[in-house]
């Protein structure tokens, strides 16, 4: 690694006016707020269209091409509606909750790696922070029904709180399962050496003290999750495996989507996300035949528009998170150019990012199709069945999946390759 290369890298990283414009474009247009909002509306249309076709209906049809503009028309219509707040409600708090919910939902989708290994927002341990944001979104749902002071809203809030809190645990466990897989493999030097050899960076020259100081100060991304352990420049950190970018890069390098080794956790994540989004069969908090619209009974106009947009963004976040953690996100054939930091430093070919966007969208809509299929196939559960399903089945099954992965990795470490392979195959066949 020459000094000229380091100087070239530092020159590229200098902040310029054009660089600021590019960053603003990323945040506001692509793959930021505007793109994610448009993707959320398309996701709602896709969900309604698939759900309708599975029920032998046409779904949205007239507004736009095959009704693709119907979610946008609904959003604009709700913005134009009168905002009515019943007497006795906490007006200021009720006005703030949809704004907070929309802000949280929009922030969560910024972490999704849409076309490259990381999202707009990325830092060590961001997966834990995402789980925290999902919990905060749950709190806004609970507070909305409480602030409305409506009998229907309060009953819907109690049901929502009971359901959402119950599914927070399997959601967190299943989302953290890929981190357990990566941690197990990166904690064994032989596995690290195999992956680095596959990447072709095992033969890195020895760094001088001056080069190491330059790297650590001005180009910390080069001392990454993969290169640092083999060079013994910094200790292995638990936060590194709790980073979405590292989990997706792990799947790209090994060419193994983690759904093959953790299918139970993927199914648990999918079911937990449906419960968090209160989709059929987990729509008991909004059972229209019993409690009108649940916690949204007294929400109308602009507030309802923001809540619907928040729900669409949450759906995109859930499907995108499942596609990223278990299906590799934007990585696939043709999109692996620019996987390693060295390749990114040398300049990744832009076509790799375009293909990466295509792979991400394919995987995202595949997960959305599964969600639509499940909510069409099942009838509404009772609230006791919902909570029992979370505590008695999803949590134990997810823990079993994590334990089985731990056993398989340790068997592989101690030379029992055949037994380890059998366990992984058995998990995949589930």
Protein backbone atom coordinates (compact mmCIF):
# COMPACT_ATOMS: atom_id res chain seq x y z
CA UNK A 1 0.00 0.00 0.00
CA UNK A 2 1.87 3.10 -1.21
CA UNK A 3 1.84 6.58 0.27
CA UNK A 4 0.61 7.94 -3.06
CA UNK A 5 -2.52 5.86 -2.74
CA UNK A 6 -3.14 7.18 0.77
CA UNK A 7 -2.64 10.77 -0.36
CA UNK A 8 -5.02 10.21 -3.28
CA UNK A 9 -7.62 8.83 -0.91
CA UNK A 10 -7.27 11.84 1.43
CA UNK A 11 -7.62 14.23 -1.53
CA UNK A 12 -10.84 12.56 -2.62
CA UNK A 13 -12.26 12.83 0.90
CA UNK A 14 -11.85 16.61 1.09
CA UNK A 15 -15.12 18.50 1.61
CA UNK A 16 -16.16 20.66 -1.34
CA UNK A 17 -19.31 22.50 -2.35
CA UNK A 18 -20.08 19.73 -4.82
CA UNK A 19 -19.65 17.18 -2.03
CA UNK A 20 -22.16 19.06 0.14
CA UNK A 21 -24.67 19.13 -2.72
CA UNK A 22 -24.22 15.40 -3.24
CA UNK A 23 -24.84 14.70 0.44
CA UNK A 24 -27.98 16.87 0.45
CA UNK A 25 -29.18 15.06 -2.66
CA UNK A 26 -28.68 11.72 -0.89
CA UNK A 27 -30.61 12.85 2.17
CA UNK A 28 -33.48 14.67 0.46
CA UNK A 29 -33.89 12.87 -2.89
CA UNK A 30 -32.09 9.54 -3.41
CA UNK A 31 -31.89 7.30 -1.52
CA UNK A 32 -33.29 9.64 1.08
CA UNK A 33 -36.66 11.09 2.03
CA UNK A 34 -38.31 11.55 -1.39
CA UNK A 35 -37.27 8.15 -2.73
CA UNK A 36 -38.29 6.33 0.45
CA UNK A 37 -41.66 8.08 0.59
CA UNK A 38 -42.33 7.19 -3.06
CA UNK A 39 -41.19 3.61 -2.39
CA UNK A 40 -43.55 3.44 0.60
CA UNK A 41 -46.51 4.49 -1.56
CA UNK A 42 -45.56 1.94 -4.24
CA UNK A 43 -45.18 -0.68 -1.50
CA UNK A 44 -48.70 0.02 -0.24
CA UNK A 45 -50.05 -0.26 -3.79
CA UNK A 46 -48.19 -3.55 -4.29
CA UNK A 47 -49.50 -4.92 -1.00
CA UNK A 48 -53.11 -3.96 -1.80
CA UNK A 49 -52.81 -5.24 -5.36
CA UNK A 50 -51.43 -8.64 -4.37
CA UNK A 51 -53.93 -8.93 -1.52
CA UNK A 52 -56.77 -8.14 -3.92
CA UNK A 53 -55.64 -10.58 -6.59
CA UNK A 54 -55.29 -13.37 -4.04
CA UNK A 55 -58.91 -12.69 -3.05
CA UNK A 56 -60.03 -12.63 -6.71
CA UNK A 57 -60.39 -8.84 -6.73
CA UNK A 58 -58.64 -6.30 -8.93
CA UNK A 59 -57.46 -4.05 -6.09
CA UNK A 60 -56.60 -0.42 -6.92
CA UNK A 61 -57.23 0.06 -10.63
CA UNK A 62 -58.38 3.48 -11.83
CA UNK A 63 -55.96 6.09 -10.42
CA UNK A 64 -52.81 5.87 -12.52
CA UNK A 65 -51.51 2.75 -14.27
CA UNK A 66 -53.42 -0.11 -12.68
CA UNK A 67 -54.12 2.14 -9.69
CA UNK A 68 -50.48 2.77 -8.80
CA UNK A 69 -51.26 6.38 -7.84
CA UNK A 70 -54.14 5.41 -5.52
CA UNK A 71 -52.04 5.56 -2.28
CA UNK A 72 -50.82 9.04 -3.25
CA UNK A 73 -54.41 10.13 -4.01
CA UNK A 74 -55.52 8.78 -0.61
CA UNK A 75 -52.71 10.66 1.12
CA UNK A 76 -53.56 13.96 -0.59
CA UNK A 77 -57.26 13.46 0.12
CA UNK A 78 -56.61 12.94 3.84
CA UNK A 79 -54.44 16.05 3.95
CA UNK A 80 -57.40 18.05 2.61
CA UNK A 81 -59.87 16.60 5.12
CA UNK A 82 -61.02 18.54 8.18
CA UNK A 83 -59.01 17.77 11.31
CA UNK A 84 -61.54 17.07 14.05
CA UNK A 85 -60.48 16.62 17.68
CA UNK A 86 -63.07 15.54 20.22
CA UNK A 87 -63.74 17.53 23.38
CA UNK A 88 -61.58 16.48 26.30
CA UNK A 89 -58.68 15.17 24.25
CA UNK A 90 -55.10 16.33 24.85
CA UNK A 91 -54.91 18.42 21.67
CA UNK A 92 -51.20 19.34 21.73
CA UNK A 93 -50.02 15.82 22.54
CA UNK A 94 -52.41 14.29 20.00
CA UNK A 95 -51.04 16.67 17.37
CA UNK A 96 -47.43 15.75 18.15
CA UNK A 97 -47.74 11.95 18.07
CA UNK A 98 -48.28 11.56 14.27
CA UNK A 99 -45.39 13.97 13.59
CA UNK A 100 -43.11 12.00 15.90
CA UNK A 101 -44.27 8.69 14.40
CA UNK A 102 -43.59 9.91 10.84
CA UNK A 103 -40.17 11.25 11.86
CA UNK A 104 -39.19 7.97 13.52
CA UNK A 105 -40.39 5.90 10.56
CA UNK A 106 -38.51 8.13 8.10
CA UNK A 107 -35.37 7.91 10.23
CA UNK A 108 -35.53 4.10 10.36
CA UNK A 109 -35.59 3.68 6.58
CA UNK A 110 -32.46 5.84 6.30
CA UNK A 111 -30.47 2.93 7.75
CA UNK A 112 -31.40 0.56 4.92
CA UNK A 113 -28.58 -0.18 2.43
CA UNK A 114 -30.46 0.62 -0.76
CA UNK A 115 -27.71 0.41 -3.37
CA UNK A 116 -24.45 -0.19 -1.46
CA UNK A 117 -23.29 -1.80 1.77
CA UNK A 118 -24.52 0.92 4.10
CA UNK A 119 -27.46 3.29 4.28
CA UNK A 120 -27.38 7.07 4.53
CA UNK A 121 -26.98 6.68 8.30
CA UNK A 122 -24.50 4.06 9.44
CA UNK A 123 -22.38 3.61 12.54
CA UNK A 124 -21.14 0.78 14.74
CA UNK A 125 -24.03 -0.84 16.58
CA UNK A 126 -26.72 0.76 14.41
CA UNK A 127 -28.79 -2.45 14.49
CA UNK A 128 -29.35 -1.99 18.24
CA UNK A 129 -30.31 1.64 17.67
CA UNK A 130 -32.83 0.54 15.03
CA UNK A 131 -34.47 -1.83 17.51
CA UNK A 132 -34.67 1.10 19.94
CA UNK A 133 -36.35 3.28 17.29
CA UNK A 134 -38.89 0.53 16.58
CA UNK A 135 -39.73 0.51 20.29
CA UNK A 136 -40.17 4.29 20.28
CA UNK A 137 -42.58 3.95 17.35
CA UNK A 138 -44.60 1.49 19.44
CA UNK A 139 -44.77 4.03 22.26
CA UNK A 140 -46.21 6.71 19.92
CA UNK A 141 -48.97 4.26 18.91
CA UNK A 142 -49.83 3.58 22.54
CA UNK A 143 -49.81 7.27 23.48
CA UNK A 144 -52.05 8.27 20.56
CA UNK A 145 -55.01 6.23 21.80
CA UNK A 146 -54.39 7.38 25.36
CA UNK A 147 -54.29 11.09 24.45
CA UNK A 148 -57.55 10.79 22.48
CA UNK A 149 -59.47 9.99 25.71
CA UNK A 150 -61.93 7.95 23.64
CA UNK A 151 -63.35 4.69 25.01
CA UNK A 152 -62.68 2.97 21.70
CA UNK A 153 -59.22 4.51 21.47
CA UNK A 154 -58.30 3.45 25.00
CA UNK A 155 -59.40 -0.15 24.44
CA UNK A 156 -57.53 -0.21 21.15
CA UNK A 157 -54.45 1.22 22.90
CA UNK A 158 -54.55 -1.49 25.57
CA UNK A 159 -54.77 -4.18 22.91
CA UNK A 160 -52.05 -2.55 20.83
CA UNK A 161 -49.75 -2.21 23.80
CA UNK A 162 -50.25 -5.82 24.82
CA UNK A 163 -49.59 -7.07 21.29
CA UNK A 164 -46.72 -4.77 20.33
CA UNK A 165 -44.81 -5.21 23.59
CA UNK A 166 -45.18 -9.01 23.32
CA UNK A 167 -43.67 -9.06 19.84
CA UNK A 168 -40.82 -6.67 20.66
CA UNK A 169 -38.86 -9.56 22.20
CA UNK A 170 -39.00 -12.03 19.24
CA UNK A 171 -38.44 -9.10 16.86
CA UNK A 172 -35.23 -8.12 18.66
CA UNK A 173 -34.00 -11.72 18.98
CA UNK A 174 -34.63 -12.56 15.33
CA UNK A 175 -33.03 -9.31 14.14
CA UNK A 176 -29.95 -10.02 16.26
CA UNK A 177 -29.58 -13.61 15.01
CA UNK A 178 -27.45 -12.60 11.95
CA UNK A 179 -25.13 -10.76 14.35
CA UNK A 180 -24.67 -14.00 16.32
CA UNK A 181 -23.81 -15.82 13.09
CA UNK A 182 -21.23 -13.23 12.05
CA UNK A 183 -19.75 -13.06 15.56
CA UNK A 184 -19.29 -16.83 15.65
CA UNK A 185 -17.44 -16.91 12.34
CA UNK A 186 -15.33 -13.82 13.00
CA UNK A 187 -14.28 -15.12 16.43
CA UNK A 188 -12.42 -18.06 14.86
CA UNK A 189 -9.11 -17.11 13.17
CA UNK A 190 -9.42 -19.93 10.61
CA UNK A 191 -12.74 -18.58 9.32
CA UNK A 192 -11.34 -15.05 9.18
CA UNK A 193 -8.36 -16.28 7.19
CA UNK A 194 -10.62 -18.15 4.75
CA UNK A 195 -12.78 -15.08 4.10
CA UNK A 196 -9.79 -12.79 3.72
CA UNK A 197 -8.17 -15.26 1.33
CA UNK A 198 -11.38 -15.32 -0.68
CA UNK A 199 -11.32 -11.51 -0.80
CA UNK A 200 -7.74 -11.62 -2.00
CA UNK A 201 -6.40 -9.28 0.69
CA UNK A 202 -4.43 -11.71 2.83
CA UNK A 203 -1.20 -10.66 1.12
CA UNK A 204 -1.38 -7.07 2.29
CA UNK A 205 2.08 -5.60 2.88
CA UNK A 206 3.13 -4.79 6.43
CA UNK A 207 2.09 -1.30 7.45
CA UNK A 208 4.64 1.09 8.81
CA UNK A 209 3.83 3.16 11.89
CA UNK A 210 3.44 6.28 9.74
CA UNK A 211 1.00 4.52 7.37
CA UNK A 212 -0.96 3.10 10.26
CA UNK A 213 -1.31 6.55 11.86
CA UNK A 214 -2.46 8.02 8.54
CA UNK A 215 -4.99 5.23 8.08
CA UNK A 216 -6.38 5.36 11.59
CA UNK A 217 -6.64 9.16 11.59
CA UNK A 218 -7.83 10.03 8.10
CA UNK A 219 -9.12 6.76 6.60
CA UNK A 220 -10.59 4.72 9.46
CA UNK A 221 -12.87 2.83 7.09
CA UNK A 222 -9.83 0.98 5.75
CA UNK A 223 -9.23 -0.48 9.22
CA UNK A 224 -12.45 -2.34 8.98
CA UNK A 225 -14.23 -5.29 10.40
CA UNK A 226 -12.35 -7.69 8.10
CA UNK A 227 -8.85 -6.28 7.67
CA UNK A 228 -8.08 -5.17 11.24
CA UNK A 229 -8.30 -8.59 12.96
CA UNK A 230 -5.85 -10.26 10.57
CA UNK A 231 -3.37 -7.39 10.85
CA UNK A 232 -3.90 -7.32 14.64
CA UNK A 233 -4.20 -3.54 14.61
CA UNK A 234 -7.27 -3.27 16.83
CA UNK A 235 -9.24 -5.71 18.98
CA UNK A 236 -12.42 -7.39 17.78
CA UNK A 237 -15.45 -5.36 18.92
CA UNK A 238 -18.96 -6.62 19.64
CA UNK A 239 -20.40 -3.45 18.11
CA UNK A 240 -18.85 -4.35 14.77
CA UNK A 241 -21.10 -7.39 14.36
CA UNK A 242 -24.13 -5.32 15.41
CA UNK A 243 -23.66 -3.11 12.35
CA UNK A 244 -25.96 -3.60 9.36
CA UNK A 245 -23.22 -2.83 6.86
CA UNK A 246 -20.97 -5.56 8.27
CA UNK A 247 -23.77 -8.14 8.23
CA UNK A 248 -24.61 -7.43 4.60
CA UNK A 249 -20.92 -7.41 3.61
CA UNK A 250 -20.46 -10.76 5.37
CA UNK A 251 -23.19 -12.28 3.18
CA UNK A 252 -21.69 -10.72 0.06
CA UNK A 253 -18.21 -12.06 0.77
CA UNK A 254 -19.26 -15.56 1.82
CA UNK A 255 -21.95 -15.73 -0.92
CA UNK A 256 -24.30 -17.25 1.70
CA UNK A 257 -27.58 -15.48 2.52
CA UNK A 258 -28.20 -15.94 6.22
CA UNK A 259 -31.73 -17.20 5.63
CA UNK A 260 -30.08 -20.55 4.82
CA UNK A 261 -28.60 -20.86 8.32
CA UNK A 262 -31.31 -19.00 10.24
CA UNK A 263 -34.67 -19.71 8.53
CA UNK A 264 -36.52 -19.90 11.83
CA UNK A 265 -35.31 -16.44 12.82
CA UNK A 266 -36.31 -15.10 9.39
CA UNK A 267 -39.83 -16.50 9.83
CA UNK A 268 -39.94 -15.11 13.37
CA UNK A 269 -38.86 -11.69 12.12
CA UNK A 270 -41.52 -11.75 9.40
CA UNK A 271 -44.31 -12.70 11.81
CA UNK A 272 -43.14 -10.17 14.41
CA UNK A 273 -43.07 -7.41 11.78
CA UNK A 274 -46.63 -8.23 10.73
CA UNK A 275 -47.71 -8.03 14.37
CA UNK A 276 -45.89 -4.71 14.82
CA UNK A 277 -47.61 -3.34 11.71
CA UNK A 278 -50.97 -4.73 12.97
CA UNK A 279 -51.66 -6.49 9.71
CA UNK A 280 -54.08 -9.41 9.38
CA UNK A 281 -54.10 -11.81 11.23
CA UNK A 282 -52.72 -9.47 13.91
CA UNK A 283 -55.25 -6.66 13.41
CA UNK A 284 -57.15 -7.28 16.65
CA UNK A 285 -56.31 -3.75 17.99
CA UNK A 286 -58.19 -2.33 14.97
CA UNK A 287 -60.99 -4.88 14.69
CA UNK A 288 -63.62 -2.79 12.90
CA UNK A 289 -66.48 -5.07 13.97
CA UNK A 290 -65.61 -4.60 17.64
CA UNK A 291 -63.82 -1.33 18.42
CA UNK A 292 -64.17 0.71 15.20
CA UNK A 293 -60.56 1.70 14.34
CA UNK A 294 -58.83 1.00 17.65
CA UNK A 295 -56.28 3.59 18.71
CA UNK A 296 -56.93 5.56 15.49
CA UNK A 297 -60.66 6.03 16.17
CA UNK A 298 -60.33 9.76 16.95
CA UNK A 299 -57.55 10.42 14.41
CA UNK A 300 -58.57 12.19 11.21
CA UNK A 301 -57.39 14.56 8.50
CA UNK A 302 -53.70 15.41 8.47
CA UNK A 303 -53.01 13.26 11.52
CA UNK A 304 -54.43 10.18 9.82
CA UNK A 305 -52.49 10.99 6.65
CA UNK A 306 -49.22 11.10 8.60
CA UNK A 307 -50.05 7.87 10.43
CA UNK A 308 -50.84 6.11 7.16
CA UNK A 309 -47.59 7.37 5.66
CA UNK A 310 -45.77 6.23 8.81
CA UNK A 311 -47.34 2.78 8.47
CA UNK A 312 -46.21 2.54 4.83
CA UNK A 313 -42.67 3.59 5.78
CA UNK A 314 -42.70 1.06 8.61
CA UNK A 315 -43.72 -1.63 6.14
CA UNK A 316 -40.83 -0.72 3.83
CA UNK A 317 -38.47 -0.65 6.81
CA UNK A 318 -39.60 -4.09 8.00
CA UNK A 319 -39.38 -5.69 4.56
CA UNK A 320 -36.07 -3.94 3.84
CA UNK A 321 -34.61 -5.02 7.18
CA UNK A 322 -35.57 -8.66 6.54
CA UNK A 323 -34.15 -8.46 3.01
CA UNK A 324 -30.92 -6.92 4.32
CA UNK A 325 -30.23 -9.12 7.34
CA UNK A 326 -31.23 -12.45 5.81
CA UNK A 327 -31.09 -12.04 2.01
CA UNK A 328 -27.97 -9.91 1.58
CA UNK A 329 -29.64 -6.59 0.78
CA UNK A 330 -28.19 -4.97 -2.36
CA UNK A 331 -25.61 -7.70 -2.91
CA UNK A 332 -26.01 -10.22 -5.71
CA UNK A 333 -24.44 -11.24 -9.02
CA UNK A 334 -22.96 -8.14 -10.62
CA UNK A 335 -23.27 -5.90 -7.57
CA UNK A 336 -20.23 -7.03 -5.59
CA UNK A 337 -17.96 -4.43 -7.17
CA UNK A 338 -16.93 -2.10 -4.36
CA UNK A 339 -17.57 -4.55 -1.53
CA UNK A 340 -14.25 -4.07 0.21
CA UNK A 341 -12.98 -0.69 1.46
CA UNK A 342 -9.89 -1.02 -0.76
CA UNK A 343 -12.08 -1.38 -3.84
CA UNK A 344 -14.16 1.60 -2.78
CA UNK A 345 -10.98 3.62 -2.27
CA UNK A 346 -9.77 2.74 -5.77
CA UNK A 347 -13.16 3.68 -7.21
CA UNK A 348 -16.01 1.22 -7.57
CA UNK A 349 -17.68 0.95 -10.94
CA UNK A 350 -21.09 2.78 -10.72
CA UNK A 351 -22.85 -0.06 -12.56
CA UNK A 352 -22.32 -2.19 -9.46
CA UNK A 353 -24.43 0.25 -7.46
CA UNK A 354 -27.19 0.30 -10.08
CA UNK A 355 -27.34 -3.50 -10.05
CA UNK A 356 -27.28 -3.37 -6.24
CA UNK A 357 -30.36 -1.15 -6.24
CA UNK A 358 -32.11 -3.66 -8.49
CA UNK A 359 -31.26 -6.56 -6.19
CA UNK A 360 -32.47 -4.64 -3.14
CA UNK A 361 -35.81 -3.83 -4.76
CA UNK A 362 -36.29 -7.44 -5.93
CA UNK A 363 -35.67 -8.77 -2.43
CA UNK A 364 -37.79 -6.04 -0.85
CA UNK A 365 -40.84 -6.79 -2.98
CA UNK A 366 -40.32 -10.54 -2.49
CA UNK A 367 -40.67 -10.00 1.27
CA UNK A 368 -43.70 -7.73 0.70
CA UNK A 369 -45.27 -10.51 -1.38
CA UNK A 370 -44.78 -12.95 1.51
CA UNK A 371 -46.44 -10.50 3.89
CA UNK A 372 -49.41 -10.05 1.53
CA UNK A 373 -49.66 -13.81 1.08
CA UNK A 374 -49.69 -14.46 4.84
CA UNK A 375 -52.27 -11.79 5.61
CA UNK A 376 -54.52 -13.21 2.90
CA UNK A 377 -54.18 -16.83 4.02
CA UNK A 378 -55.00 -16.40 7.72
CA UNK A 379 -58.02 -15.15 9.63
CA UNK A 380 -57.80 -12.78 12.60
CA UNK A 381 -56.43 -14.21 15.84
CA UNK A 382 -57.81 -13.54 19.29
CA UNK A 383 -55.69 -11.36 21.55
CA UNK A 384 -54.84 -14.33 23.81
CA UNK A 385 -53.75 -16.35 20.78
CA UNK A 386 -51.58 -13.47 19.60
CA UNK A 387 -49.72 -13.04 22.89
CA UNK A 388 -49.40 -16.81 23.40
CA UNK A 389 -47.90 -17.14 19.93
CA UNK A 390 -45.20 -14.60 20.83
CA UNK A 391 -44.25 -15.90 24.27
CA UNK A 392 -44.78 -19.65 23.84
CA UNK A 393 -43.64 -20.23 20.27
CA UNK A 394 -41.71 -17.42 18.55
CA UNK A 395 -39.28 -16.65 21.39
CA UNK A 396 -38.34 -20.32 22.13
CA UNK A 397 -37.98 -21.12 18.41
CA UNK A 398 -35.73 -18.11 17.81
CA UNK A 399 -33.56 -19.02 20.80
CA UNK A 400 -33.38 -22.60 19.49
CA UNK A 401 -32.20 -21.30 16.10
CA UNK A 402 -29.45 -19.23 17.74
CA UNK A 403 -28.36 -22.19 19.90
CA UNK A 404 -28.26 -24.54 16.90
CA UNK A 405 -26.05 -22.08 15.01
CA UNK A 406 -23.69 -21.86 18.01
CA UNK A 407 -23.42 -25.67 18.16
CA UNK A 408 -22.76 -25.94 14.41
CA UNK A 409 -19.99 -23.33 14.51
CA UNK A 410 -18.22 -24.93 17.48
CA UNK A 411 -18.43 -28.38 15.88
CA UNK A 412 -16.83 -26.89 12.77
CA UNK A 413 -14.07 -25.28 14.87
CA UNK A 414 -13.18 -28.59 16.54
CA UNK A 415 -13.06 -30.49 13.25
CA UNK A 416 -16.54 -32.05 13.20
CA UNK A 417 -17.23 -30.65 9.74
CA UNK A 418 -19.76 -33.32 8.77
CA UNK A 419 -21.89 -32.86 11.91
CA UNK A 420 -21.78 -29.06 11.51
CA UNK A 421 -22.88 -29.34 7.88
CA UNK A 422 -25.76 -31.65 8.83
CA UNK A 423 -27.06 -29.12 11.37
CA UNK A 424 -26.92 -26.28 8.85
CA UNK A 425 -28.70 -28.41 6.22
CA UNK A 426 -31.39 -29.35 8.74
CA UNK A 427 -31.95 -25.67 9.59
CA UNK A 428 -32.12 -24.80 5.89
CA UNK A 429 -34.72 -27.53 5.22
CA UNK A 430 -36.97 -26.18 7.95
